[in-house]
Amino acid sequence: MKKVKVATAWLDGCSGCHMSLLDMDAAIISLAQKIDLVYGPLVDAQEFPDDVDVTLVEGAVSTQDDLNKLQKIRQRTRLIIALGDCAVTGNVPAMRNSIPVNKLLQWIYVEGAQEGKVIPTDGVPALLRQARPLQEFVKVDLCLPGCPPPAKSIATVISDLLDGKKREASLAVKFG
């Protein structure tokens, strides 16, 4: 039997969703027999591959780099799952949305700095005007809310997909 190609991606978030993914314990063993993890922070792949079956995306879209990565993921993935509240609603990264980007950067890197007092630009991705959820930029096939989603919920969603069970496109959002 051909294994399902699964990827994970981490945009602007805390990595809690990936930690929850690891907390699946014994469920990981049974999933590992059915999936091939082809990309993510747990895999040493540098470029997002073509023809991915399922990608779980954690975090909000906050930078131009996040947006470019998400668009590439959408082009190369059959089914995208928004994993966690940041990906589903913007959550914590979106708390900055009421502050203009230039004012925010000035406040943090100049007014709040002890030394340097300069806004970094080298190797730092440009912030978008606001941090936004995935579905504002690309088609999302399934939302799995939670901060983070419980490991059991992640395992159930992945197992259901592997078993061909249809899932609701959007689950009721429950914060925390």
Protein backbone atom coordinates (compact mmCIF):
# COMPACT_ATOMS: atom_id res chain seq x y z
CA MET A 1 0.00 0.00 0.00
CA LYS A 2 1.29 3.47 -0.96
CA LYS A 3 1.91 5.74 2.01
CA VAL A 4 0.15 9.11 2.20
CA LYS A 5 2.56 12.04 1.86
CA VAL A 6 2.09 14.32 4.89
CA ALA A 7 3.81 17.61 5.64
CA THR A 8 3.68 20.07 8.50
CA ALA A 9 4.52 23.75 8.39
CA TRP A 10 5.10 26.34 11.08
CA LEU A 11 4.30 29.98 10.32
CA ASP A 12 3.84 32.65 13.05
CA GLY A 13 3.05 30.63 16.14
CA CYS A 14 4.65 29.15 19.23
CA SER A 15 5.17 25.55 18.01
CA GLY A 16 2.60 24.30 20.54
CA CYS A 17 0.65 22.57 17.78
CA HIS A 18 3.75 20.64 16.72
CA MET A 19 4.33 19.71 20.37
CA SER A 20 0.75 18.43 20.51
CA LEU A 21 1.43 16.43 17.34
CA LEU A 22 4.36 14.77 19.11
CA ASP A 23 2.17 14.08 22.15
CA MET A 24 0.15 11.52 20.18
CA ASP A 25 2.29 8.86 21.85
CA ALA A 26 1.41 5.36 20.60
CA ALA A 27 -0.84 6.76 17.86
CA ILE A 28 2.33 7.96 16.10
CA ILE A 29 3.42 4.36 15.64
CA SER A 30 0.24 3.32 13.85
CA LEU A 31 0.23 6.52 11.76
CA ALA A 32 3.89 6.04 10.80
CA GLN A 33 2.92 2.80 9.06
CA LYS A 34 0.49 4.72 6.83
CA ILE A 35 2.19 8.07 6.21
CA ASP A 36 5.45 9.39 4.90
CA LEU A 37 6.35 12.66 6.68
CA VAL A 38 7.97 14.61 3.85
CA TYR A 39 8.39 18.13 5.26
CA GLY A 40 8.28 20.06 8.52
CA PRO A 41 10.37 21.05 11.53
CA LEU A 42 10.71 17.36 12.40
CA VAL A 43 12.14 16.49 8.98
CA ASP A 44 15.41 17.56 7.36
CA ALA A 45 13.82 18.71 4.08
CA GLN A 46 14.83 22.21 2.97
CA GLU A 47 12.34 22.67 0.12
CA PHE A 48 8.61 22.00 0.26
CA PRO A 49 8.02 18.98 -2.03
CA ASP A 50 5.55 18.55 -4.88
CA ASP A 51 2.47 16.33 -4.71
CA VAL A 52 1.85 16.36 -0.95
CA ASP A 53 -1.42 14.74 0.07
CA VAL A 54 -2.01 16.53 3.41
CA THR A 55 -0.29 19.50 5.06
CA LEU A 56 -0.98 20.61 8.60
CA VAL A 57 -0.15 24.33 8.87
CA GLU A 58 0.40 25.90 12.29
CA GLY A 59 0.49 29.66 12.88
CA ALA A 60 -0.90 32.86 11.43
CA VAL A 61 0.33 34.57 8.27
CA SER A 62 2.36 37.52 9.60
CA THR A 63 5.17 38.10 7.12
CA GLN A 64 5.67 38.12 3.39
CA ASP A 65 7.76 34.97 3.84
CA ASP A 66 4.82 33.27 5.61
CA LEU A 67 2.53 34.24 2.74
CA ASN A 68 4.96 32.99 0.07
CA LYS A 69 5.41 29.68 1.93
CA LEU A 70 1.65 29.24 2.37
CA GLN A 71 0.98 29.90 -1.31
CA LYS A 72 3.63 27.35 -2.31
CA ILE A 73 2.11 24.84 0.12
CA ARG A 74 -1.36 25.40 -1.39
CA GLN A 75 -0.03 24.87 -4.92
CA ARG A 76 1.68 21.62 -3.95
CA THR A 77 -0.83 20.12 -1.50
CA ARG A 78 -4.12 18.35 -2.10
CA LEU A 79 -5.57 19.02 1.38
CA ILE A 80 -4.57 21.77 3.85
CA ILE A 81 -5.48 21.60 7.52
CA ALA A 82 -5.34 24.84 9.53
CA LEU A 83 -3.82 23.48 12.74
CA GLY A 84 -4.57 25.45 15.89
CA ASP A 85 -6.13 28.78 16.79
CA CYS A 86 -3.38 30.92 15.22
CA ALA A 87 -3.92 29.26 11.83
CA VAL A 88 -7.72 29.27 12.20
CA THR A 89 -8.33 32.76 13.66
CA GLY A 90 -5.00 34.62 13.89
CA ASN A 91 -5.12 34.29 17.72
CA VAL A 92 -2.02 35.56 19.59
CA PRO A 93 -0.03 36.80 16.55
CA ALA A 94 -3.06 38.95 15.59
CA MET A 95 -2.87 40.81 18.90
CA ARG A 96 -0.50 43.24 17.16
CA ASN A 97 -3.07 44.10 14.47
CA SER A 98 -4.28 47.34 16.07
CA ILE A 99 -0.75 48.81 16.05
CA PRO A 100 0.71 50.06 12.75
CA VAL A 101 3.79 47.99 11.79
CA ASN A 102 6.24 50.92 11.77
CA LYS A 103 5.05 52.10 15.20
CA LEU A 104 5.29 48.53 16.57
CA LEU A 105 8.85 48.05 15.31
CA GLN A 106 9.90 51.49 16.59
CA TRP A 107 8.43 50.73 20.01
CA ILE A 108 10.14 47.33 20.31
CA TYR A 109 13.54 47.88 18.70
CA VAL A 110 14.22 51.55 19.40
CA GLU A 111 12.21 52.79 22.38
CA GLY A 112 12.35 49.44 24.18
CA ALA A 113 16.01 48.68 23.51
CA GLN A 114 18.91 49.15 25.92
CA GLU A 115 21.49 49.02 23.11
CA GLY A 116 21.55 49.18 19.33
CA LYS A 117 18.27 51.04 19.01
CA VAL A 118 17.86 50.09 15.37
CA ILE A 119 15.11 48.21 13.57
CA PRO A 120 16.70 45.06 12.09
CA THR A 121 16.40 44.46 8.37
CA ASP A 122 19.08 41.93 7.38
CA GLY A 123 17.59 38.44 7.26
CA VAL A 124 14.35 39.59 8.87
CA PRO A 125 11.17 39.02 6.83
CA ALA A 126 8.95 42.03 6.23
CA LEU A 127 5.87 42.08 8.44
CA LEU A 128 2.50 42.25 6.75
CA ARG A 129 0.19 45.03 7.91
CA GLN A 130 -1.71 42.47 10.00
CA ALA A 131 -1.32 38.87 11.12
CA ARG A 132 -4.21 36.95 9.56
CA PRO A 133 -5.56 33.37 9.53
CA LEU A 134 -4.72 31.03 6.64
CA GLN A 135 -8.16 31.08 5.00
CA GLU A 136 -7.80 34.79 4.24
CA PHE A 137 -5.03 33.92 1.79
CA VAL A 138 -5.65 30.38 0.50
CA LYS A 139 -8.33 27.72 0.44
CA VAL A 140 -8.26 25.74 3.68
CA ASP A 141 -9.84 22.30 3.53
CA LEU A 142 -10.20 21.61 7.24
CA CYS A 143 -9.82 23.62 10.46
CA LEU A 144 -8.64 22.02 13.68
CA PRO A 145 -8.90 24.68 16.39
CA GLY A 146 -7.38 24.63 19.85
CA CYS A 147 -4.41 26.25 21.54
CA PRO A 148 -3.02 23.76 20.90
CA PRO A 149 -5.45 21.18 19.56
CA PRO A 150 -5.37 18.08 21.77
CA ALA A 151 -3.11 15.31 20.49
CA LYS A 152 -6.08 12.94 20.40
CA SER A 153 -7.98 15.34 18.09
CA ILE A 154 -5.02 15.58 15.71
CA ALA A 155 -4.62 11.80 15.66
CA THR A 156 -8.36 11.31 15.06
CA VAL A 157 -8.46 13.79 12.17
CA ILE A 158 -5.43 12.24 10.48
CA SER A 159 -6.71 8.68 11.04
CA ASP A 160 -10.15 9.61 9.70
CA LEU A 161 -8.61 11.12 6.57
CA LEU A 162 -6.43 8.04 6.05
CA ASP A 163 -9.51 5.85 6.42
CA GLY A 164 -11.39 7.94 3.84
CA LYS A 165 -13.91 9.37 6.30
CA LYS A 166 -15.37 12.75 5.37
CA ARG A 167 -14.84 15.54 7.90
CA GLU A 168 -16.59 18.86 8.32
CA ALA A 169 -14.71 21.65 6.55
CA SER A 170 -14.76 23.75 9.69
CA LEU A 171 -15.05 22.74 13.31
CA ALA A 172 -16.52 24.99 16.00
CA VAL A 173 -13.76 27.25 17.29
CA LYS A 174 -12.94 26.76 20.94
CA PHE A 175 -10.14 28.90 22.31
CA GLY A 176 -7.60 27.48 24.75
